[in-house]
């Protein structure tokens, strides 16, 4: 009788979890445990289901507790197959808790057990688990978490030591090896869904290591599998990842195409936050391409959705970006208007560091307007002096708006870039693509930052820092000295 009641409660709990009613499912599963059973396999299944449900709710301590109990049970029963599965679950819970050494040990034990039993499917899963643990470990920062990723862009952040950076690359390199071994096994097992997932993660790991060509190859294959399986979400992610990799290859037109296709897929999904993220990426890439009108168009779309979703972080980022784009167009009055909105949002969010950065940006824009007024006044005076008897229109002057934007951006980012850049000042004559590749040396540091507060309209991987680096380089390249007269 007890076994029957336990099974009925467990089945109901499993059903509720599958339909997304996790809290109710957990309650039924706990009742099943209390009812008790002599069937160790049933008890292990209940414990595993409880661990998974708590994991889905982000309750990682509880998840770890139940998966550890499942592991202990499997060991007592001498069940190597279930022990390996439980080790994988424990490793994932420890990974979520950022207890990486313990997570790695569990994943390695899982892999060893599966190899001993010649369980190819289990071995493949163990390789994937180990790779994911190592991958996330490489991305984590030893520094304390930042309260806001946006604010951290506006201030100088200390960098990890060279030894820490080298260690990250070693860990990430090992993750790549595991992903590749996992990928080979999955192809032998003809598991296309898992193959696509591994290709995406492998591409991301190669991207962090600066192997952008390898990343593009992986994400291209990931895109093909997503389309084959009609996995639209995976297709969108693959397009975004391809765009990011193309940017660091200096292939900006291809990046813009990927982001545009991502926008179309996001609109197909009907998720406004994803549409906003795609618009933000498109705004950034058009800034790099110096198509400022298109940049403004996409930033404004992003701003509209951010306000609609009450995403104040996204709204602040949009105002910051629109201020830059308007300054680049030469529309300094509009640039100041958006900068003022950014200041107001920073005050509203009670973020003193972001506020300081926003106020400094506003001040630079206001100074630019004053310089522009003085320059125009001097030019008018010069015209009057040279042509006292007639009024002449001002000559066609080369638009200075882009340089105004670059001046503002470089002053804001200059000190931070000087501190973080490995290359010397006398390397400024190298190509733009070389500069972008060099900047990747810092992406491991950037990627390790703790997750920012929820900002549904801002992509996790955006081009904000990249714009500053690219534009500062372009500024140096475009400002040549006038030739001396012979």
Protein backbone atom coordinates (compact mmCIF):
# COMPACT_ATOMS: atom_id res chain seq x y z
CA UNK A 1 0.00 0.00 0.00
CA UNK A 2 2.77 2.41 0.91
CA UNK A 3 4.54 1.77 -2.40
CA UNK A 4 1.33 2.37 -4.35
CA UNK A 5 0.62 5.66 -2.56
CA UNK A 6 4.23 6.75 -2.96
CA UNK A 7 4.16 5.94 -6.68
CA UNK A 8 0.87 7.80 -7.19
CA UNK A 9 2.19 10.90 -5.42
CA UNK A 10 5.47 10.73 -7.30
CA UNK A 11 3.68 10.41 -10.64
CA UNK A 12 1.50 13.41 -9.86
CA UNK A 13 4.52 15.40 -8.76
CA UNK A 14 6.36 14.54 -11.96
CA UNK A 15 3.32 15.57 -14.04
CA UNK A 16 3.09 18.94 -12.29
CA UNK A 17 6.80 19.58 -12.82
CA UNK A 18 6.52 18.80 -16.53
CA UNK A 19 3.67 21.31 -16.89
CA UNK A 20 5.74 23.99 -15.15
CA UNK A 21 3.91 23.88 -11.82
CA UNK A 22 7.16 23.36 -9.96
CA UNK A 23 6.13 24.44 -6.47
CA UNK A 24 3.08 22.16 -6.51
CA UNK A 25 5.17 19.37 -8.00
CA UNK A 26 7.77 19.69 -5.25
CA UNK A 27 5.05 19.42 -2.61
CA UNK A 28 3.72 16.18 -4.12
CA UNK A 29 7.22 14.72 -4.43
CA UNK A 30 7.93 15.52 -0.78
CA UNK A 31 4.70 13.81 0.19
CA UNK A 32 5.84 10.80 -1.84
CA UNK A 33 9.08 10.66 0.15
CA UNK A 34 7.15 10.87 3.42
CA UNK A 35 4.85 8.06 2.30
CA UNK A 36 7.96 5.92 1.90
CA UNK A 37 8.85 3.03 -0.37
CA UNK A 38 11.00 -0.09 -0.27
CA UNK A 39 11.89 0.36 -3.95
CA UNK A 40 15.29 2.08 -3.99
CA UNK A 41 14.93 2.95 -7.68
CA UNK A 42 11.66 4.77 -7.04
CA UNK A 43 13.14 6.63 -4.08
CA UNK A 44 16.17 7.60 -6.19
CA UNK A 45 13.92 8.84 -8.98
CA UNK A 46 11.94 11.00 -6.51
CA UNK A 47 15.12 12.48 -5.07
CA UNK A 48 16.47 13.25 -8.55
CA UNK A 49 13.16 14.83 -9.58
CA UNK A 50 13.15 16.99 -6.45
CA UNK A 51 16.71 18.08 -7.15
CA UNK A 52 15.82 19.00 -10.73
CA UNK A 53 12.71 20.93 -9.69
CA UNK A 54 14.61 22.99 -7.13
CA UNK A 55 17.32 23.61 -9.73
CA UNK A 56 14.74 24.98 -12.17
CA UNK A 57 13.57 27.38 -9.46
CA UNK A 58 17.13 28.54 -8.84
CA UNK A 59 17.14 26.95 -5.38
CA UNK A 60 20.56 25.41 -5.82
CA UNK A 61 21.26 24.52 -2.17
CA UNK A 62 18.07 22.46 -2.03
CA UNK A 63 18.87 20.97 -5.42
CA UNK A 64 22.30 19.92 -4.20
CA UNK A 65 20.80 18.39 -1.05
CA UNK A 66 18.45 16.08 -2.94
CA UNK A 67 20.95 15.13 -5.64
CA UNK A 68 23.51 14.30 -2.92
CA UNK A 69 20.94 12.04 -1.25
CA UNK A 70 20.32 10.35 -4.59
CA UNK A 71 24.08 9.86 -5.00
CA UNK A 72 24.44 8.37 -1.52
CA UNK A 73 21.56 5.98 -2.22
CA UNK A 74 23.06 4.84 -5.53
CA UNK A 75 26.39 4.16 -3.82
CA UNK A 76 24.77 2.15 -1.03
CA UNK A 77 22.93 0.06 -3.61
CA UNK A 78 26.06 -0.40 -5.73
CA UNK A 79 24.23 1.02 -8.75
CA UNK A 80 27.02 2.41 -10.95
CA UNK A 81 24.69 3.71 -13.68
CA UNK A 82 22.57 5.77 -11.30
CA UNK A 83 25.69 6.84 -9.40
CA UNK A 84 27.07 8.33 -12.61
CA UNK A 85 23.81 10.15 -13.31
CA UNK A 86 23.67 11.49 -9.75
CA UNK A 87 27.28 12.66 -9.97
CA UNK A 88 26.37 14.66 -13.06
CA UNK A 89 23.43 16.26 -11.26
CA UNK A 90 25.57 17.06 -8.22
CA UNK A 91 28.21 18.60 -10.52
CA UNK A 92 25.60 20.86 -12.14
CA UNK A 93 24.27 22.00 -8.76
CA UNK A 94 27.79 22.73 -7.54
CA UNK A 95 28.50 24.61 -10.77
CA UNK A 96 25.43 26.77 -10.19
CA UNK A 97 26.72 27.48 -6.68
CA UNK A 98 30.13 28.42 -8.18
CA UNK A 99 31.84 25.64 -6.23
CA UNK A 100 33.99 24.76 -9.20
CA UNK A 101 36.72 22.48 -7.75
CA UNK A 102 34.04 20.20 -6.26
CA UNK A 103 32.00 20.35 -9.46
CA UNK A 104 35.02 19.37 -11.56
CA UNK A 105 35.77 16.44 -9.24
CA UNK A 106 32.20 15.14 -9.52
CA UNK A 107 32.18 15.48 -13.31
CA UNK A 108 35.52 13.67 -13.55
CA UNK A 109 34.18 10.84 -11.36
CA UNK A 110 31.08 10.65 -13.55
CA UNK A 111 33.27 10.38 -16.65
CA UNK A 112 35.45 7.69 -15.08
CA UNK A 113 32.44 5.57 -14.06
CA UNK A 114 30.88 5.79 -17.51
CA UNK A 115 34.13 4.75 -19.17
CA UNK A 116 34.44 1.79 -16.82
CA UNK A 117 30.96 0.57 -17.80
CA UNK A 118 31.49 1.39 -21.52
CA UNK A 119 28.35 3.54 -21.38
CA UNK A 120 28.89 5.70 -24.47
CA UNK A 121 25.80 7.84 -23.95
CA UNK A 122 26.74 8.41 -20.32
CA UNK A 123 30.35 9.13 -21.28
CA UNK A 124 29.20 11.72 -23.79
CA UNK A 125 27.01 13.41 -21.17
CA UNK A 126 29.85 13.36 -18.65
CA UNK A 127 32.19 15.04 -21.12
CA UNK A 128 29.59 17.72 -21.74
CA UNK A 129 29.05 18.27 -18.01
CA UNK A 130 32.79 18.57 -17.39
CA UNK A 131 33.21 20.96 -20.32
CA UNK A 132 30.38 23.19 -19.09
CA UNK A 133 31.81 23.34 -15.56
CA UNK A 134 35.27 24.28 -16.86
CA UNK A 135 33.78 26.79 -19.31
CA UNK A 136 31.86 28.63 -16.61
CA UNK A 137 34.81 28.48 -14.23
CA UNK A 138 36.97 30.25 -16.83
CA UNK A 139 34.40 33.03 -17.15
CA UNK A 140 34.05 33.82 -13.48
CA UNK A 141 35.78 36.80 -11.94
CA UNK A 142 37.78 36.64 -8.70
CA UNK A 143 36.66 40.20 -8.07
CA UNK A 144 33.54 41.03 -6.15
CA UNK A 145 30.43 41.26 -8.29
CA UNK A 146 29.55 44.51 -9.99
CA UNK A 147 26.21 46.01 -9.07
CA UNK A 148 25.60 47.08 -12.65
CA UNK A 149 27.40 46.12 -15.83
CA UNK A 150 26.45 49.44 -17.42
CA UNK A 151 28.00 51.43 -14.60
CA UNK A 152 31.16 49.34 -14.82
CA UNK A 153 31.59 50.47 -18.43
CA UNK A 154 31.74 54.08 -17.22
CA UNK A 155 34.48 53.64 -14.67
CA UNK A 156 37.96 52.20 -14.42
CA UNK A 157 37.98 48.54 -13.37
CA UNK A 158 41.03 46.73 -12.10
CA UNK A 159 42.22 43.79 -14.19
CA UNK A 160 43.27 40.36 -13.01
CA UNK A 161 46.93 39.50 -12.99
CA UNK A 162 48.65 37.91 -15.99
CA UNK A 163 48.92 34.67 -14.02
CA UNK A 164 45.15 34.62 -13.44
CA UNK A 165 44.52 35.30 -17.11
CA UNK A 166 46.89 32.49 -18.15
CA UNK A 167 45.13 30.13 -15.77
CA UNK A 168 41.79 31.04 -17.30
CA UNK A 169 43.05 30.16 -20.73
CA UNK A 170 44.33 26.79 -19.49
CA UNK A 171 40.93 25.98 -17.96
CA UNK A 172 39.09 27.15 -21.05
CA UNK A 173 41.44 25.15 -23.28
CA UNK A 174 40.58 22.03 -21.33
CA UNK A 175 36.87 22.81 -21.76
CA UNK A 176 37.41 23.04 -25.52
CA UNK A 177 39.08 19.61 -25.53
CA UNK A 178 36.11 18.11 -23.67
CA UNK A 179 33.59 19.77 -26.02
CA UNK A 180 35.45 18.41 -29.05
CA UNK A 181 35.59 14.88 -27.63
CA UNK A 182 31.91 15.14 -26.75
CA UNK A 183 31.13 16.37 -30.25
CA UNK A 184 32.91 13.41 -31.87
CA UNK A 185 30.93 10.98 -29.71
CA UNK A 186 27.61 12.69 -30.44
CA UNK A 187 28.21 12.42 -34.17
CA UNK A 188 28.82 8.71 -33.70
CA UNK A 189 25.57 8.48 -31.73
CA UNK A 190 23.67 10.56 -34.34
CA UNK A 191 22.27 12.86 -31.66
CA UNK A 192 21.72 16.03 -33.68
CA UNK A 193 20.06 18.02 -30.90
CA UNK A 194 22.93 17.44 -28.48
CA UNK A 195 25.43 18.00 -31.30
CA UNK A 196 23.96 21.43 -31.95
CA UNK A 197 24.11 22.35 -28.28
CA UNK A 198 27.76 21.33 -28.03
CA UNK A 199 28.65 23.22 -31.22
CA UNK A 200 27.16 26.38 -29.73
CA UNK A 201 29.12 26.06 -26.51
CA UNK A 202 32.32 25.13 -28.34
CA UNK A 203 31.92 28.20 -30.54
CA UNK A 204 31.49 30.40 -27.48
CA UNK A 205 34.60 28.93 -25.84
CA UNK A 206 36.68 29.45 -28.98
CA UNK A 207 35.37 33.02 -29.18
CA UNK A 208 36.63 33.70 -25.67
CA UNK A 209 40.02 32.29 -26.63
CA UNK A 210 40.19 34.61 -29.65
CA UNK A 211 39.76 31.87 -32.28
CA UNK A 212 37.07 33.74 -34.18
CA UNK A 213 37.38 31.71 -37.38
CA UNK A 214 36.83 28.55 -35.34
CA UNK A 215 33.91 30.17 -33.55
CA UNK A 216 32.31 31.15 -36.87
CA UNK A 217 32.68 27.59 -38.16
CA UNK A 218 31.02 26.15 -35.04
CA UNK A 219 28.17 28.65 -34.96
CA UNK A 220 27.53 28.19 -38.68
CA UNK A 221 27.11 24.44 -38.12
CA UNK A 222 25.00 25.16 -35.04
CA UNK A 223 22.76 27.38 -37.18
CA UNK A 224 22.30 24.63 -39.76
CA UNK A 225 21.23 22.12 -37.10
CA UNK A 226 18.86 24.62 -35.48
CA UNK A 227 17.13 25.16 -38.80
CA UNK A 228 17.07 21.42 -39.49
CA UNK A 229 15.34 20.82 -36.15
CA UNK A 230 13.14 23.93 -36.47
CA UNK A 231 14.60 25.24 -33.20
CA UNK A 232 13.94 28.94 -33.65
CA UNK A 233 15.41 30.01 -30.31
CA UNK A 234 18.65 28.18 -31.09
CA UNK A 235 18.66 29.78 -34.54
CA UNK A 236 18.43 33.23 -32.98
CA UNK A 237 21.27 32.51 -30.56
CA UNK A 238 23.45 31.14 -33.35
CA UNK A 239 22.88 34.25 -35.46
CA UNK A 240 23.81 36.52 -32.55
CA UNK A 241 26.94 34.53 -31.83
CA UNK A 242 27.90 34.59 -35.49
CA UNK A 243 27.44 38.36 -35.55
CA UNK A 244 29.69 38.82 -32.53
CA UNK A 245 32.42 36.61 -34.00
CA UNK A 246 32.26 38.40 -37.36
CA UNK A 247 32.74 41.73 -35.59
CA UNK A 248 36.00 40.58 -34.06
CA UNK A 249 37.09 39.27 -37.44
CA UNK A 250 36.57 42.80 -38.76
CA UNK A 251 33.76 41.49 -40.99
CA UNK A 252 31.25 44.19 -40.11
CA UNK A 253 28.92 43.78 -43.09
CA UNK A 254 28.53 40.06 -42.33
CA UNK A 255 27.91 40.90 -38.69
CA UNK A 256 25.17 43.36 -39.64
CA UNK A 257 23.54 40.69 -41.82
CA UNK A 258 23.55 38.19 -38.94
CA UNK A 259 22.04 40.72 -36.53
CA UNK A 260 19.36 41.65 -39.10
CA UNK A 261 18.43 37.98 -39.51
CA UNK A 262 18.34 37.64 -35.73
CA UNK A 263 15.89 40.55 -35.61
CA UNK A 264 13.63 38.82 -38.14
CA UNK A 265 13.68 35.61 -36.10
CA UNK A 266 12.99 37.53 -32.87
CA UNK A 267 9.99 39.20 -34.50
CA UNK A 268 8.81 35.77 -35.62
CA UNK A 269 9.00 34.57 -32.01
CA UNK A 270 6.95 37.57 -30.91
CA UNK A 271 9.09 38.22 -27.85
CA UNK A 272 9.49 41.96 -27.41
CA UNK A 273 12.57 41.72 -25.23
CA UNK A 274 14.38 39.70 -27.91
CA UNK A 275 13.35 42.19 -30.58
CA UNK A 276 14.83 44.96 -28.42
CA UNK A 277 18.09 43.05 -27.99
CA UNK A 278 18.38 42.56 -31.76
CA UNK A 279 17.70 46.27 -32.35
CA UNK A 280 20.39 47.16 -29.83
CA UNK A 281 22.93 44.96 -31.63
CA UNK A 282 21.97 46.50 -34.97
CA UNK A 283 22.35 49.98 -33.55
CA UNK A 284 25.84 49.12 -32.34
CA UNK A 285 27.01 47.57 -35.60
CA UNK A 286 25.72 50.53 -37.60
CA UNK A 287 27.67 52.82 -35.29
CA UNK A 288 30.79 50.86 -36.20
CA UNK A 289 29.87 51.15 -39.87
CA UNK A 290 29.32 54.89 -39.32
CA UNK A 291 25.78 54.64 -40.69
CA UNK A 292 24.51 56.89 -37.93
CA UNK A 293 20.97 57.33 -39.28
CA UNK A 294 20.41 53.56 -39.19
CA UNK A 295 22.01 53.40 -35.74
CA UNK A 296 19.57 56.02 -34.45
CA UNK A 297 16.66 54.14 -35.99
CA UNK A 298 17.49 50.90 -34.17
CA UNK A 299 18.41 52.57 -30.89
CA UNK A 300 15.07 54.37 -30.90
CA UNK A 301 13.26 51.07 -31.46
CA UNK A 302 15.21 49.63 -28.56
CA UNK A 303 14.33 52.61 -26.36
CA UNK A 304 10.62 52.28 -27.16
CA UNK A 305 10.53 48.63 -26.14
CA UNK A 306 12.68 49.22 -23.04
CA UNK A 307 10.16 51.81 -21.86
CA UNK A 308 7.27 49.52 -22.77
CA UNK A 309 8.78 46.73 -20.64
CA UNK A 310 9.85 49.16 -17.89
CA UNK A 311 13.45 48.05 -18.24
CA UNK A 312 15.25 51.04 -16.75
CA UNK A 313 18.69 49.52 -17.33
CA UNK A 314 17.87 49.04 -21.01
CA UNK A 315 16.35 52.51 -21.19
CA UNK A 316 19.52 54.03 -19.74
CA UNK A 317 21.67 52.11 -22.21
CA UNK A 318 19.46 53.27 -25.08
CA UNK A 319 19.70 56.92 -24.01
CA UNK A 320 23.48 56.62 -23.71
CA UNK A 321 23.68 55.07 -27.18
CA UNK A 322 21.32 57.59 -28.75
CA UNK A 323 23.33 60.42 -27.25
CA UNK A 324 26.46 59.06 -28.94
CA UNK A 325 24.70 58.46 -32.25
CA UNK A 326 23.16 61.93 -32.31
CA UNK A 327 26.54 63.48 -31.54
CA UNK A 328 28.06 61.48 -34.39
CA UNK A 329 25.39 62.86 -36.71
CA UNK A 330 26.20 66.37 -35.58
CA UNK A 331 22.83 66.75 -33.85
CA UNK A 332 24.34 67.94 -30.58
CA UNK A 333 21.08 69.36 -29.24
CA UNK A 334 19.45 65.94 -29.54
CA UNK A 335 22.58 64.32 -28.08
CA UNK A 336 22.32 66.58 -25.04
CA UNK A 337 18.62 65.77 -24.66
CA UNK A 338 19.31 62.03 -24.49
CA UNK A 339 22.29 62.60 -22.19
CA UNK A 340 20.00 64.52 -19.83
CA UNK A 341 17.53 61.61 -19.89
CA UNK A 342 20.39 59.27 -19.03
CA UNK A 343 21.32 61.47 -16.06
CA UNK A 344 17.70 61.42 -14.88
CA UNK A 345 17.55 57.62 -15.15
CA UNK A 346 20.79 57.23 -13.21
CA UNK A 347 19.31 59.38 -10.44
CA UNK A 348 16.10 57.36 -10.51
CA UNK A 349 18.07 54.13 -10.15
CA UNK A 350 20.10 55.67 -7.33
CA UNK A 351 23.38 54.60 -8.93
CA UNK A 352 26.04 57.19 -8.00
CA UNK A 353 28.76 55.71 -10.23
CA UNK A 354 26.57 55.56 -13.32
CA UNK A 355 25.33 59.05 -12.49
CA UNK A 356 28.89 60.39 -12.37
CA UNK A 357 29.62 58.91 -15.79
CA UNK A 358 26.38 60.23 -17.28
CA UNK A 359 27.01 63.72 -15.90
CA UNK A 360 30.55 63.75 -17.27
CA UNK A 361 29.25 62.72 -20.70
CA UNK A 362 26.65 65.50 -20.57
CA UNK A 363 29.30 68.02 -19.60
CA UNK A 364 31.52 67.04 -22.53
CA UNK A 365 28.60 67.41 -24.93
CA UNK A 366 27.77 70.85 -23.56
CA UNK A 367 31.43 71.86 -23.93
CA UNK A 368 31.34 70.64 -27.54
CA UNK A 369 28.37 72.89 -28.24
CA UNK A 370 30.21 75.88 -26.78
CA UNK A 371 33.30 75.11 -28.87
CA UNK A 372 31.15 74.80 -31.96
CA UNK A 373 29.52 78.17 -31.29
CA UNK A 374 32.90 79.85 -30.80
CA UNK A 375 34.30 78.26 -33.95
CA UNK A 376 31.31 79.41 -36.02
CA UNK A 377 31.63 82.92 -34.61
CA UNK A 378 35.31 83.07 -35.51
CA UNK A 379 34.60 81.81 -39.02
CA UNK A 380 31.95 84.46 -39.52
CA UNK A 381 34.35 87.14 -38.34
CA UNK A 382 37.02 85.86 -40.72
CA UNK A 383 34.57 86.00 -43.62
CA UNK A 384 33.64 89.56 -42.81
CA UNK A 385 37.33 90.53 -42.68
CA UNK A 386 38.11 88.85 -45.99
CA UNK A 387 34.96 89.94 -47.89
CA UNK A 388 33.84 93.31 -46.51
CA UNK A 389 31.77 94.28 -49.56
CA UNK A 390 29.68 91.18 -50.02
CA UNK A 391 28.26 88.23 -48.10
CA UNK A 392 29.54 84.84 -49.06
CA UNK A 393 28.16 81.48 -47.90
CA UNK A 394 30.35 79.39 -45.78
CA UNK A 395 32.44 77.00 -47.82
CA UNK A 396 31.63 73.38 -47.87
CA UNK A 397 33.32 72.12 -44.76
CA UNK A 398 33.97 68.53 -44.01
CA UNK A 399 31.48 67.41 -41.41
CA UNK A 400 33.12 67.38 -38.00
CA UNK A 401 30.37 65.46 -36.21
CA UNK A 402 32.11 62.10 -36.23
CA UNK A 403 35.23 63.59 -34.67
CA UNK A 404 33.11 65.32 -32.03
CA UNK A 405 31.60 61.96 -31.12
CA UNK A 406 34.98 60.31 -31.07
CA UNK A 407 36.45 63.06 -28.91
CA UNK A 408 33.71 62.52 -26.34
CA UNK A 409 33.93 58.75 -26.41
CA UNK A 410 37.70 58.57 -26.30
CA UNK A 411 37.96 60.99 -23.39
CA UNK A 412 35.45 58.89 -21.46
CA UNK A 413 37.17 55.59 -22.24
CA UNK A 414 40.76 56.75 -22.61
CA UNK A 415 42.07 56.11 -19.14
CA UNK A 416 40.43 52.72 -18.88
CA UNK A 417 41.71 51.69 -22.28
CA UNK A 418 45.22 52.87 -21.45
CA UNK A 419 45.19 50.74 -18.31
CA UNK A 420 43.78 47.65 -19.99
CA UNK A 421 45.46 47.72 -23.40
CA UNK A 422 48.43 45.39 -23.75
CA UNK A 423 49.68 46.96 -26.97
CA UNK A 424 51.87 50.08 -26.82
CA UNK A 425 51.02 53.54 -28.14
CA UNK A 426 53.56 53.15 -30.93
CA UNK A 427 51.44 50.32 -32.33
CA UNK A 428 48.67 52.71 -33.31
CA UNK A 429 49.48 52.43 -37.01
CA UNK A 430 48.42 48.78 -37.16
CA UNK A 431 45.25 47.86 -39.02
CA UNK A 432 41.79 48.12 -37.53
CA UNK A 433 41.38 44.35 -37.70
CA UNK A 434 44.64 43.83 -35.82
CA UNK A 435 43.43 46.25 -33.16
CA UNK A 436 40.16 44.34 -32.75
CA UNK A 437 42.04 41.07 -32.43
CA UNK A 438 44.32 42.57 -29.76
CA UNK A 439 41.34 43.79 -27.80
CA UNK A 440 40.22 40.16 -27.47
CA UNK A 441 42.99 39.69 -24.94
CA UNK A 442 40.67 41.40 -22.50
CA UNK A 443 37.49 39.55 -23.37
CA UNK A 444 38.23 36.77 -20.94
CA UNK A 445 38.32 39.42 -18.23
CA UNK A 446 35.12 41.05 -19.52
CA UNK A 447 33.29 37.73 -19.79
CA UNK A 448 34.13 36.75 -16.22
CA UNK A 449 32.13 39.60 -14.71
CA UNK A 450 29.13 38.61 -12.63
CA UNK A 451 25.74 38.78 -14.32
CA UNK A 452 24.17 42.25 -14.25
CA UNK A 453 20.73 42.94 -12.79
CA UNK A 454 17.90 41.78 -15.01
CA UNK A 455 17.84 43.88 -18.16
CA UNK A 456 15.56 42.02 -20.59
CA UNK A 457 16.11 44.37 -23.52
CA UNK A 458 19.93 44.42 -23.37
CA UNK A 459 21.80 41.43 -24.83
CA UNK A 460 24.27 39.65 -22.57
CA UNK A 461 26.93 40.09 -25.25
CA UNK A 462 26.90 43.59 -26.73
CA UNK A 463 29.39 45.77 -28.55
CA UNK A 464 29.60 48.75 -26.20
CA UNK A 465 33.21 48.34 -25.15
CA UNK A 466 34.14 47.26 -28.65
CA UNK A 467 32.80 50.51 -30.11
CA UNK A 468 35.03 52.53 -27.83
CA UNK A 469 38.09 50.55 -28.81
CA UNK A 470 37.29 50.63 -32.52
CA UNK A 471 36.45 54.32 -32.56
CA UNK A 472 39.55 55.29 -30.60
CA UNK A 473 41.68 53.45 -33.13
CA UNK A 474 39.81 54.99 -36.05
CA UNK A 475 40.35 58.44 -34.57
CA UNK A 476 44.11 57.91 -34.51
CA UNK A 477 44.12 56.57 -38.07
CA UNK A 478 42.02 59.37 -39.56
CA UNK A 479 43.87 62.30 -37.98
CA UNK A 480 46.91 62.64 -40.19
CA UNK A 481 49.25 65.57 -40.04
CA UNK A 482 49.13 68.05 -42.90
CA UNK A 483 52.02 67.51 -45.33
CA UNK A 484 54.81 69.99 -45.00
CA UNK A 485 55.48 72.22 -47.93
CA UNK A 486 58.64 71.28 -49.79
